[in-house]
Amino acid sequence: MTMANAGHPPPYVRGADSNDVRELQMVTGYPLGVIEDAQYEAHTIHLPRPGLL
């Protein structure tokens, strides 16, 4: 899965084991629309099955 962070808190991923929850370390960008030409860094992660974001 590929995503970018636009000013919101970092997401958490729950793995196949419901006790395995971790925060994704991501660079936080400006909220959408605050800066006209803002650049956002894309992050690609493996989302385990049956994982949740």
C-alpha atoms as a PDB file:
ATOM      1  CA  MET A   1       0.000   0.000   0.000  1.00  0.00           C
ATOM      2  CA  THR A   2       1.315   3.485  -0.833  1.00  0.00           C
ATOM      3  CA  MET A   3       0.259   6.567   1.121  1.00  0.00           C
ATOM      4  CA  ALA A   4       1.295  10.100   2.068  1.00  0.00           C
ATOM      5  CA  ASN A   5       0.707  12.077   5.250  1.00  0.00           C
ATOM      6  CA  ALA A   6      -0.951  15.488   4.826  1.00  0.00           C
ATOM      7  CA  GLY A   7      -0.908  16.874   8.356  1.00  0.00           C
ATOM      8  CA  HIS A   8      -2.775  14.104  10.188  1.00  0.00           C
ATOM      9  CA  PRO A   9      -1.354  11.873  12.955  1.00  0.00           C
ATOM     10  CA  PRO A  10       0.591   8.818  11.757  1.00  0.00           C
ATOM     11  CA  PRO A  11      -1.501   5.699  11.114  1.00  0.00           C
ATOM     12  CA  TYR A  12      -1.383   2.484  13.117  1.00  0.00           C
ATOM     13  CA  VAL A  13      -1.206  -0.992  11.602  1.00  0.00           C
ATOM     14  CA  ARG A  14      -2.621  -4.087  13.262  1.00  0.00           C
ATOM     15  CA  GLY A  15      -1.006  -7.304  12.097  1.00  0.00           C
ATOM     16  CA  ALA A  16      -2.452 -10.809  11.872  1.00  0.00           C
ATOM     17  CA  ASP A  17      -2.088 -11.096  15.671  1.00  0.00           C
ATOM     18  CA  SER A  18      -4.585  -8.630  17.180  1.00  0.00           C
ATOM     19  CA  ASN A  19      -2.018  -7.781  19.894  1.00  0.00           C
ATOM     20  CA  ASP A  20       0.520  -6.655  17.256  1.00  0.00           C
ATOM     21  CA  VAL A  21      -0.246  -2.937  16.802  1.00  0.00           C
ATOM     22  CA  ARG A  22       2.411  -0.474  15.683  1.00  0.00           C
ATOM     23  CA  GLU A  23       2.585   3.171  14.699  1.00  0.00           C
ATOM     24  CA  LEU A  24       3.966   3.822  11.228  1.00  0.00           C
ATOM     25  CA  GLN A  25       6.887   6.246  11.319  1.00  0.00           C
ATOM     26  CA  MET A  26       6.161   8.757   8.557  1.00  0.00           C
ATOM     27  CA  VAL A  27       7.192  12.275   7.636  1.00  0.00           C
ATOM     28  CA  THR A  28       4.221  14.577   8.256  1.00  0.00           C
ATOM     29  CA  GLY A  29       3.480  17.058   5.475  1.00  0.00           C
ATOM     30  CA  TYR A  30       1.452  20.242   5.567  1.00  0.00           C
ATOM     31  CA  PRO A  31      -2.339  19.864   5.569  1.00  0.00           C
ATOM     32  CA  LEU A  32      -3.808  19.866   2.063  1.00  0.00           C
ATOM     33  CA  GLY A  33      -4.441  23.351   0.722  1.00  0.00           C
ATOM     34  CA  VAL A  34      -2.255  25.226   3.247  1.00  0.00           C
ATOM     35  CA  ILE A  35       0.676  25.669   0.846  1.00  0.00           C
ATOM     36  CA  GLU A  36      -0.135  25.887  -2.845  1.00  0.00           C
ATOM     37  CA  ASP A  37       2.833  23.870  -4.168  1.00  0.00           C
ATOM     38  CA  ALA A  38       3.416  21.584  -1.171  1.00  0.00           C
ATOM     39  CA  GLN A  39       5.312  18.361  -1.849  1.00  0.00           C
ATOM     40  CA  TYR A  40       4.386  15.129  -0.066  1.00  0.00           C
ATOM     41  CA  GLU A  41       6.609  12.106   0.478  1.00  0.00           C
ATOM     42  CA  ALA A  42       5.020   8.784  -0.511  1.00  0.00           C
ATOM     43  CA  HIS A  43       5.552   5.734   1.709  1.00  0.00           C
ATOM     44  CA  THR A  44       4.981   2.151   0.591  1.00  0.00           C
ATOM     45  CA  ILE A  45       4.290  -0.510   3.215  1.00  0.00           C
ATOM     46  CA  HIS A  46       3.330  -4.168   3.235  1.00  0.00           C
ATOM     47  CA  LEU A  47      -0.052  -4.591   4.916  1.00  0.00           C
ATOM     48  CA  PRO A  48      -0.133  -8.131   6.340  1.00  0.00           C
ATOM     49  CA  ARG A  49      -3.237 -10.279   5.906  1.00  0.00           C
ATOM     50  CA  PRO A  50      -5.567  -9.983   7.738  1.00  0.00           C
ATOM     51  CA  GLY A  51      -4.049  -6.657   8.800  1.00  0.00           C
ATOM     52  CA  LEU A  52      -5.883  -3.403   9.414  1.00  0.00           C
ATOM     53  CA  LEU A  53      -4.841   0.204   9.010  1.00  0.00           C
END
